[in-house]
Amino acid sequence: MPKKLQPIKMEDIALYRIPSNLRYSPDGTRLA
């Protein structure tokens, strides 16, 4: 039987890490 999904709580949102604005270096060896 599948697990019942739980609603998202405010405390759960604090665990999120959201990456954005990816930029490669001109030589393509590093990513900021």
PDB file of all heavy atoms in Angstrom:
ATOM      1  N   MET A   1       0.842  -1.174   0.000  1.00  0.00           N
ATOM      2  CA  MET A   1       0.000   0.000   0.000  1.00  0.00           C
ATOM      3  C   MET A   1       0.900   1.256   0.000  1.00  0.00           C
ATOM      4  O   MET A   1       1.829   1.351   0.791  1.00  0.00           O
ATOM      5  CB  MET A   1      -0.905  -0.026   1.232  1.00  0.00           C
ATOM      6  CG  MET A   1      -1.767   1.200   1.363  1.00  0.00           C
ATOM      7  SD  MET A   1      -2.821   1.114   2.826  1.00  0.00           S
ATOM      8  CE  MET A   1      -4.340   0.655   2.072  1.00  0.00           C
ATOM      9  N   PRO A   2       0.640   2.227  -0.880  1.00  0.00           N
ATOM     10  CA  PRO A   2       1.475   3.432  -0.942  1.00  0.00           C
ATOM     11  C   PRO A   2       1.341   4.281   0.324  1.00  0.00           C
ATOM     12  O   PRO A   2       0.298   4.274   0.993  1.00  0.00           O
ATOM     13  CB  PRO A   2       0.945   4.191  -2.149  1.00  0.00           C
ATOM     14  CG  PRO A   2      -0.195   3.425  -2.691  1.00  0.00           C
ATOM     15  CD  PRO A   2      -0.396   2.200  -1.873  1.00  0.00           C
ATOM     16  N   LYS A   3       2.428   4.985   0.629  1.00  0.00           N
ATOM     17  CA  LYS A   3       2.402   5.893   1.779  1.00  0.00           C
ATOM     18  C   LYS A   3       1.485   7.070   1.501  1.00  0.00           C
ATOM     19  O   LYS A   3       1.420   7.566   0.382  1.00  0.00           O
ATOM     20  CB  LYS A   3       3.796   6.459   2.028  1.00  0.00           C
ATOM     21  CG  LYS A   3       4.666   5.635   2.885  1.00  0.00           C
ATOM     22  CD  LYS A   3       5.971   6.362   3.087  1.00  0.00           C
ATOM     23  CE  LYS A   3       6.403   6.291   4.514  1.00  0.00           C
ATOM     24  NZ  LYS A   3       7.710   6.896   4.713  1.00  0.00           N
ATOM     25  N   LYS A   4       0.813   7.507   2.530  1.00  0.00           N
ATOM     26  CA  LYS A   4      -0.041   8.677   2.403  1.00  0.00           C
ATOM     27  C   LYS A   4       0.843   9.935   2.435  1.00  0.00           C
ATOM     28  O   LYS A   4       1.698  10.072   3.309  1.00  0.00           O
ATOM     29  CB  LYS A   4      -1.042   8.727   3.554  1.00  0.00           C
ATOM     30  CG  LYS A   4      -2.015   9.865   3.437  1.00  0.00           C
ATOM     31  CD  LYS A   4      -3.033   9.835   4.561  1.00  0.00           C
ATOM     32  CE  LYS A   4      -3.949  11.036   4.435  1.00  0.00           C
ATOM     33  NZ  LYS A   4      -4.884  11.105   5.545  1.00  0.00           N
ATOM     34  N   LEU A   5       0.652  10.806   1.473  1.00  0.00           N
ATOM     35  CA  LEU A   5       1.433  12.041   1.414  1.00  0.00           C
ATOM     36  C   LEU A   5       1.025  12.985   2.533  1.00  0.00           C
ATOM     37  O   LEU A   5      -0.151  13.097   2.868  1.00  0.00           O
ATOM     38  CB  LEU A   5       1.246  12.728   0.060  1.00  0.00           C
ATOM     39  CG  LEU A   5       1.728  11.950  -1.155  1.00  0.00           C
ATOM     40  CD1 LEU A   5       1.416  12.721  -2.426  1.00  0.00           C
ATOM     41  CD2 LEU A   5       3.209  11.672  -1.048  1.00  0.00           C
ATOM     42  N   GLN A   6       2.003  13.650   3.089  1.00  0.00           N
ATOM     43  CA  GLN A   6       1.757  14.603   4.160  1.00  0.00           C
ATOM     44  C   GLN A   6       1.769  16.021   3.587  1.00  0.00           C
ATOM     45  O   GLN A   6       2.535  16.318   2.668  1.00  0.00           O
ATOM     46  CB  GLN A   6       2.846  14.487   5.228  1.00  0.00           C
ATOM     47  CG  GLN A   6       2.899  13.125   5.899  1.00  0.00           C
ATOM     48  CD  GLN A   6       1.632  12.822   6.682  1.00  0.00           C
ATOM     49  OE1 GLN A   6       1.113  13.674   7.388  1.00  0.00           O
ATOM     50  NE2 GLN A   6       1.126  11.612   6.528  1.00  0.00           N
ATOM     51  N   PRO A   7       0.973  16.923   4.123  1.00  0.00           N
ATOM     52  CA  PRO A   7       1.004  18.312   3.652  1.00  0.00           C
ATOM     53  C   PRO A   7       2.336  18.969   4.006  1.00  0.00           C
ATOM     54  O   PRO A   7       2.988  18.593   4.986  1.00  0.00           O
ATOM     55  CB  PRO A   7      -0.148  18.985   4.398  1.00  0.00           C
ATOM     56  CG  PRO A   7      -0.597  18.032   5.445  1.00  0.00           C
ATOM     57  CD  PRO A   7      -0.023  16.697   5.156  1.00  0.00           C
ATOM     58  N   ILE A   8       2.733  19.925   3.206  1.00  0.00           N
ATOM     59  CA  ILE A   8       3.958  20.681   3.464  1.00  0.00           C
ATOM     60  C   ILE A   8       3.709  21.634   4.621  1.00  0.00           C
ATOM     61  O   ILE A   8       2.683  22.307   4.687  1.00  0.00           O
ATOM     62  CB  ILE A   8       4.383  21.467   2.209  1.00  0.00           C
ATOM     63  CG1 ILE A   8       4.773  20.489   1.109  1.00  0.00           C
ATOM     64  CG2 ILE A   8       5.531  22.401   2.517  1.00  0.00           C
ATOM     65  CD1 ILE A   8       5.082  21.151  -0.203  1.00  0.00           C
ATOM     66  N   LYS A   9       4.675  21.700   5.539  1.00  0.00           N
ATOM     67  CA  LYS A   9       4.592  22.608   6.690  1.00  0.00           C
ATOM     68  C   LYS A   9       5.603  23.738   6.500  1.00  0.00           C
ATOM     69  O   LYS A   9       6.539  23.620   5.722  1.00  0.00           O
ATOM     70  CB  LYS A   9       4.923  21.847   7.967  1.00  0.00           C
ATOM     71  CG  LYS A   9       4.014  20.682   8.235  1.00  0.00           C
ATOM     72  CD  LYS A   9       4.498  19.914   9.444  1.00  0.00           C
ATOM     73  CE  LYS A   9       3.788  18.577   9.496  1.00  0.00           C
ATOM     74  NZ  LYS A   9       4.533  17.582  10.209  1.00  0.00           N
ATOM     75  N   MET A  10       5.415  24.801   7.231  1.00  0.00           N
ATOM     76  CA  MET A  10       6.355  25.936   7.151  1.00  0.00           C
ATOM     77  C   MET A  10       7.785  25.497   7.456  1.00  0.00           C
ATOM     78  O   MET A  10       8.729  25.952   6.833  1.00  0.00           O
ATOM     79  CB  MET A  10       5.940  27.064   8.108  1.00  0.00           C
ATOM     80  CG  MET A  10       4.726  27.827   7.670  1.00  0.00           C
ATOM     81  SD  MET A  10       4.943  28.635   6.071  1.00  0.00           S
ATOM     82  CE  MET A  10       6.147  29.870   6.498  1.00  0.00           C
ATOM     83  N   GLU A  11       7.954  24.585   8.410  1.00  0.00           N
ATOM     84  CA  GLU A  11       9.289  24.110   8.768  1.00  0.00           C
ATOM     85  C   GLU A  11       9.952  23.385   7.592  1.00  0.00           C
ATOM     86  O   GLU A  11      11.171  23.393   7.459  1.00  0.00           O
ATOM     87  CB  GLU A  11       9.221  23.182   9.981  1.00  0.00           C
ATOM     88  CG  GLU A  11       8.737  23.847  11.251  1.00  0.00           C
ATOM     89  CD  GLU A  11       7.206  24.012  11.312  1.00  0.00           C
ATOM     90  OE1 GLU A  11       6.471  23.261  10.640  1.00  0.00           O
ATOM     91  OE2 GLU A  11       6.764  24.922  12.019  1.00  0.00           O
ATOM     92  N   ASP A  12       9.141  22.752   6.753  1.00  0.00           N
ATOM     93  CA  ASP A  12       9.676  22.063   5.581  1.00  0.00           C
ATOM     94  C   ASP A  12      10.292  23.061   4.601  1.00  0.00           C
ATOM     95  O   ASP A  12      11.323  22.785   3.989  1.00  0.00           O
ATOM     96  CB  ASP A  12       8.578  21.275   4.868  1.00  0.00           C
ATOM     97  CG  ASP A  12       8.001  20.169   5.726  1.00  0.00           C
ATOM     98  OD1 ASP A  12       8.715  19.648   6.603  1.00  0.00           O
ATOM     99  OD2 ASP A  12       6.822  19.828   5.522  1.00  0.00           O
ATOM    100  N   ILE A  13       9.669  24.202   4.450  1.00  0.00           N
ATOM    101  CA  ILE A  13      10.166  25.213   3.509  1.00  0.00           C
ATOM    102  C   ILE A  13      11.543  25.711   3.926  1.00  0.00           C
ATOM    103  O   ILE A  13      12.388  26.012   3.086  1.00  0.00           O
ATOM    104  CB  ILE A  13       9.151  26.357   3.379  1.00  0.00           C
ATOM    105  CG1 ILE A  13       7.883  25.821   2.707  1.00  0.00           C
ATOM    106  CG2 ILE A  13       9.726  27.537   2.603  1.00  0.00           C
ATOM    107  CD1 ILE A  13       6.738  26.769   2.664  1.00  0.00           C
ATOM    108  N   ALA A  14      11.816  25.750   5.219  1.00  0.00           N
ATOM    109  CA  ALA A  14      13.125  26.190   5.702  1.00  0.00           C
ATOM    110  C   ALA A  14      14.230  25.219   5.288  1.00  0.00           C
ATOM    111  O   ALA A  14      15.402  25.596   5.271  1.00  0.00           O
ATOM    112  CB  ALA A  14      13.101  26.352   7.212  1.00  0.00           C
ATOM    113  N   LEU A  15      13.879  24.006   4.919  1.00  0.00           N
ATOM    114  CA  LEU A  15      14.870  23.024   4.478  1.00  0.00           C
ATOM    115  C   LEU A  15      15.246  23.188   3.010  1.00  0.00           C
ATOM    116  O   LEU A  15      16.260  22.659   2.574  1.00  0.00           O
ATOM    117  CB  LEU A  15      14.337  21.605   4.711  1.00  0.00           C
ATOM    118  CG  LEU A  15      14.005  21.242   6.150  1.00  0.00           C
ATOM    119  CD1 LEU A  15      13.347  19.870   6.205  1.00  0.00           C
ATOM    120  CD2 LEU A  15      15.247  21.296   7.019  1.00  0.00           C
ATOM    121  N   TYR A  16      14.433  23.895   2.257  1.00  0.00           N
ATOM    122  CA  TYR A  16      14.679  24.056   0.823  1.00  0.00           C
ATOM    123  C   TYR A  16      15.893  24.939   0.575  1.00  0.00           C
ATOM    124  O   TYR A  16      16.093  25.949   1.242  1.00  0.00           O
ATOM    125  CB  TYR A  16      13.487  24.686   0.106  1.00  0.00           C
ATOM    126  CG  TYR A  16      12.227  23.858   0.087  1.00  0.00           C
ATOM    127  CD1 TYR A  16      11.038  24.421  -0.303  1.00  0.00           C
ATOM    128  CD2 TYR A  16      12.215  22.521   0.449  1.00  0.00           C
ATOM    129  CE1 TYR A  16       9.860  23.681  -0.332  1.00  0.00           C
ATOM    130  CE2 TYR A  16      11.048  21.770   0.413  1.00  0.00           C
ATOM    131  CZ  TYR A  16       9.880  22.359   0.028  1.00  0.00           C
ATOM    132  OH  TYR A  16       8.726  21.630  -0.006  1.00  0.00           O
ATOM    133  N   ARG A  17      16.680  24.566  -0.418  1.00  0.00           N
ATOM    134  CA  ARG A  17      17.791  25.380  -0.917  1.00  0.00           C
ATOM    135  C   ARG A  17      17.542  25.526  -2.413  1.00  0.00           C
ATOM    136  O   ARG A  17      17.477  24.528  -3.129  1.00  0.00           O
ATOM    137  CB  ARG A  17      19.139  24.710  -0.659  1.00  0.00           C
ATOM    138  CG  ARG A  17      19.434  24.434   0.807  1.00  0.00           C
ATOM    139  CD  ARG A  17      19.569  25.740   1.581  1.00  0.00           C
ATOM    140  NE  ARG A  17      19.890  25.535   2.974  1.00  0.00           N
ATOM    141  CZ  ARG A  17      19.025  25.595   3.974  1.00  0.00           C
ATOM    142  NH1 ARG A  17      17.753  25.832   3.740  1.00  0.00           N
ATOM    143  NH2 ARG A  17      19.404  25.427   5.209  1.00  0.00           N
ATOM    144  N   ILE A  18      17.386  26.750  -2.869  1.00  0.00           N
ATOM    145  CA  ILE A  18      16.969  26.989  -4.246  1.00  0.00           C
ATOM    146  C   ILE A  18      18.129  27.584  -5.044  1.00  0.00           C
ATOM    147  O   ILE A  18      18.521  28.738  -4.818  1.00  0.00           O
ATOM    148  CB  ILE A  18      15.751  27.930  -4.274  1.00  0.00           C
ATOM    149  CG1 ILE A  18      14.628  27.313  -3.433  1.00  0.00           C
ATOM    150  CG2 ILE A  18      15.307  28.197  -5.703  1.00  0.00           C
ATOM    151  CD1 ILE A  18      13.529  28.263  -3.069  1.00  0.00           C
ATOM    152  N   PRO A  19      18.705  26.805  -5.964  1.00  0.00           N
ATOM    153  CA  PRO A  19      19.793  27.332  -6.791  1.00  0.00           C
ATOM    154  C   PRO A  19      19.237  28.203  -7.922  1.00  0.00           C
ATOM    155  O   PRO A  19      18.125  27.986  -8.408  1.00  0.00           O
ATOM    156  CB  PRO A  19      20.462  26.073  -7.335  1.00  0.00           C
ATOM    157  CG  PRO A  19      19.374  25.054  -7.349  1.00  0.00           C
ATOM    158  CD  PRO A  19      18.439  25.407  -6.219  1.00  0.00           C
ATOM    159  N   SER A  20      20.023  29.205  -8.308  1.00  0.00           N
ATOM    160  CA  SER A  20      19.605  30.078  -9.410  1.00  0.00           C
ATOM    161  C   SER A  20      20.815  30.804  -9.969  1.00  0.00           C
ATOM    162  O   SER A  20      21.911  30.759  -9.423  1.00  0.00           O
ATOM    163  CB  SER A  20      18.564  31.091  -8.924  1.00  0.00           C
ATOM    164  OG  SER A  20      19.127  31.927  -7.935  1.00  0.00           O
ATOM    165  N   ASN A  21      20.588  31.500 -11.063  1.00  0.00           N
ATOM    166  CA  ASN A  21      21.560  32.404 -11.674  1.00  0.00           C
ATOM    167  C   ASN A  21      22.905  31.731 -11.950  1.00  0.00           C
ATOM    168  O   ASN A  21      23.953  32.232 -11.562  1.00  0.00           O
ATOM    169  CB  ASN A  21      21.732  33.649 -10.794  1.00  0.00           C
ATOM    170  CG  ASN A  21      22.132  34.853 -11.607  1.00  0.00           C
ATOM    171  OD1 ASN A  21      22.207  34.800 -12.822  1.00  0.00           O
ATOM    172  ND2 ASN A  21      22.409  35.943 -10.931  1.00  0.00           N
ATOM    173  N   LEU A  22      22.874  30.617 -12.637  1.00  0.00           N
ATOM    174  CA  LEU A  22      24.088  29.868 -12.948  1.00  0.00           C
ATOM    175  C   LEU A  22      24.915  30.591 -14.000  1.00  0.00           C
ATOM    176  O   LEU A  22      24.375  31.027 -15.026  1.00  0.00           O
ATOM    177  CB  LEU A  22      23.734  28.467 -13.450  1.00  0.00           C
ATOM    178  CG  LEU A  22      23.261  27.477 -12.394  1.00  0.00           C
ATOM    179  CD1 LEU A  22      21.878  27.796 -11.902  1.00  0.00           C
ATOM    180  CD2 LEU A  22      23.333  26.084 -12.930  1.00  0.00           C
ATOM    181  N   ARG A  23      26.228  30.716 -13.753  1.00  0.00           N
ATOM    182  CA  ARG A  23      27.130  31.396 -14.686  1.00  0.00           C
ATOM    183  C   ARG A  23      28.433  30.614 -14.828  1.00  0.00           C
ATOM    184  O   ARG A  23      29.162  30.434 -13.859  1.00  0.00           O
ATOM    185  CB  ARG A  23      27.497  32.794 -14.170  1.00  0.00           C
ATOM    186  CG  ARG A  23      26.357  33.692 -13.847  1.00  0.00           C
ATOM    187  CD  ARG A  23      25.803  34.305 -15.089  1.00  0.00           C
ATOM    188  NE  ARG A  23      24.657  35.114 -14.713  1.00  0.00           N
ATOM    189  CZ  ARG A  23      24.237  36.136 -15.395  1.00  0.00           C
ATOM    190  NH1 ARG A  23      24.841  36.475 -16.496  1.00  0.00           N
ATOM    191  NH2 ARG A  23      23.178  36.800 -14.992  1.00  0.00           N
ATOM    192  N   TYR A  24      28.731  30.167 -16.037  1.00  0.00           N
ATOM    193  CA  TYR A  24      30.009  29.500 -16.289  1.00  0.00           C
ATOM    194  C   TYR A  24      31.104  30.541 -16.451  1.00  0.00           C
ATOM    195  O   TYR A  24      30.874  31.629 -16.980  1.00  0.00           O
ATOM    196  CB  TYR A  24      29.944  28.648 -17.559  1.00  0.00           C
ATOM    197  CG  TYR A  24      29.356  27.283 -17.315  1.00  0.00           C
ATOM    198  CD1 TYR A  24      28.059  26.987 -17.686  1.00  0.00           C
ATOM    199  CD2 TYR A  24      30.117  26.292 -16.710  1.00  0.00           C
ATOM    200  CE1 TYR A  24      27.521  25.736 -17.455  1.00  0.00           C
ATOM    201  CE2 TYR A  24      29.589  25.035 -16.479  1.00  0.00           C
ATOM    202  CZ  TYR A  24      28.300  24.765 -16.850  1.00  0.00           C
ATOM    203  OH  TYR A  24      27.767  23.529 -16.618  1.00  0.00           O
ATOM    204  N   SER A  25      32.310  30.186 -16.010  1.00  0.00           N
ATOM    205  CA  SER A  25      33.477  31.035 -16.244  1.00  0.00           C
ATOM    206  C   SER A  25      33.761  31.033 -17.744  1.00  0.00           C
ATOM    207  O   SER A  25      33.354  30.112 -18.458  1.00  0.00           O
ATOM    208  CB  SER A  25      34.681  30.514 -15.457  1.00  0.00           C
ATOM    209  OG  SER A  25      35.041  29.215 -15.886  1.00  0.00           O
ATOM    210  N   PRO A  26      34.474  32.044 -18.244  1.00  0.00           N
ATOM    211  CA  PRO A  26      34.742  32.106 -19.683  1.00  0.00           C
ATOM    212  C   PRO A  26      35.430  30.853 -20.233  1.00  0.00           C
ATOM    213  O   PRO A  26      35.178  30.454 -21.361  1.00  0.00           O
ATOM    214  CB  PRO A  26      35.641  33.330 -19.825  1.00  0.00           C
ATOM    215  CG  PRO A  26      35.280  34.201 -18.669  1.00  0.00           C
ATOM    216  CD  PRO A  26      34.963  33.241 -17.557  1.00  0.00           C
ATOM    217  N   ASP A  27      36.284  30.220 -19.444  1.00  0.00           N
ATOM    218  CA  ASP A  27      36.959  29.007 -19.926  1.00  0.00           C
ATOM    219  C   ASP A  27      36.135  27.743 -19.705  1.00  0.00           C
ATOM    220  O   ASP A  27      36.538  26.653 -20.088  1.00  0.00           O
ATOM    221  CB  ASP A  27      38.340  28.868 -19.293  1.00  0.00           C
ATOM    222  CG  ASP A  27      38.302  28.672 -17.791  1.00  0.00           C
ATOM    223  OD1 ASP A  27      37.201  28.557 -17.210  1.00  0.00           O
ATOM    224  OD2 ASP A  27      39.388  28.643 -17.174  1.00  0.00           O
ATOM    225  N   GLY A  28      34.971  27.870 -19.066  1.00  0.00           N
ATOM    226  CA  GLY A  28      34.059  26.755 -18.881  1.00  0.00           C
ATOM    227  C   GLY A  28      34.456  25.758 -17.797  1.00  0.00           C
ATOM    228  O   GLY A  28      33.842  24.712 -17.672  1.00  0.00           O
ATOM    229  N   THR A  29      35.462  26.088 -16.978  1.00  0.00           N
ATOM    230  CA  THR A  29      35.923  25.142 -15.958  1.00  0.00           C
ATOM    231  C   THR A  29      35.250  25.313 -14.601  1.00  0.00           C
ATOM    232  O   THR A  29      35.332  24.433 -13.754  1.00  0.00           O
ATOM    233  CB  THR A  29      37.443  25.248 -15.757  1.00  0.00           C
ATOM    234  OG1 THR A  29      37.755  26.575 -15.299  1.00  0.00           O
ATOM    235  CG2 THR A  29      38.185  24.948 -17.050  1.00  0.00           C
ATOM    236  N   ARG A  30      34.624  26.462 -14.378  1.00  0.00           N
ATOM    237  CA  ARG A  30      33.966  26.728 -13.095  1.00  0.00           C
ATOM    238  C   ARG A  30      32.552  27.230 -13.332  1.00  0.00           C
ATOM    239  O   ARG A  30      32.258  27.835 -14.349  1.00  0.00           O
ATOM    240  CB  ARG A  30      34.755  27.777 -12.311  1.00  0.00           C
ATOM    241  CG  ARG A  30      36.081  27.244 -11.804  1.00  0.00           C
ATOM    242  CD  ARG A  30      36.917  28.333 -11.240  1.00  0.00           C
ATOM    243  NE  ARG A  30      37.393  29.105 -12.386  1.00  0.00           N
ATOM    244  CZ  ARG A  30      37.979  30.283 -12.316  1.00  0.00           C
ATOM    245  NH1 ARG A  30      38.151  30.855 -11.163  1.00  0.00           N
ATOM    246  NH2 ARG A  30      38.386  30.905 -13.384  1.00  0.00           N
ATOM    247  N   LEU A  31      31.707  26.989 -12.344  1.00  0.00           N
ATOM    248  CA  LEU A  31      30.323  27.423 -12.406  1.00  0.00           C
ATOM    249  C   LEU A  31      30.000  28.178 -11.123  1.00  0.00           C
ATOM    250  O   LEU A  31      30.160  27.638 -10.031  1.00  0.00           O
ATOM    251  CB  LEU A  31      29.392  26.209 -12.542  1.00  0.00           C
ATOM    252  CG  LEU A  31      27.895  26.482 -12.481  1.00  0.00           C
ATOM    253  CD1 LEU A  31      27.454  27.282 -13.706  1.00  0.00           C
ATOM    254  CD2 LEU A  31      27.120  25.180 -12.381  1.00  0.00           C
ATOM    255  N   ALA A  32      29.593  29.421 -11.249  1.00  0.00           N
ATOM    256  CA  ALA A  32      29.151  30.204 -10.091  1.00  0.00           C
ATOM    257  C   ALA A  32      27.627  30.190 -10.083  1.00  0.00           C
ATOM    258  O   ALA A  32      26.985  30.243 -11.131  1.00  0.00           O
ATOM    259  CB  ALA A  32      29.666  31.636 -10.184  1.00  0.00           C
TER     260      ALA A  32
END
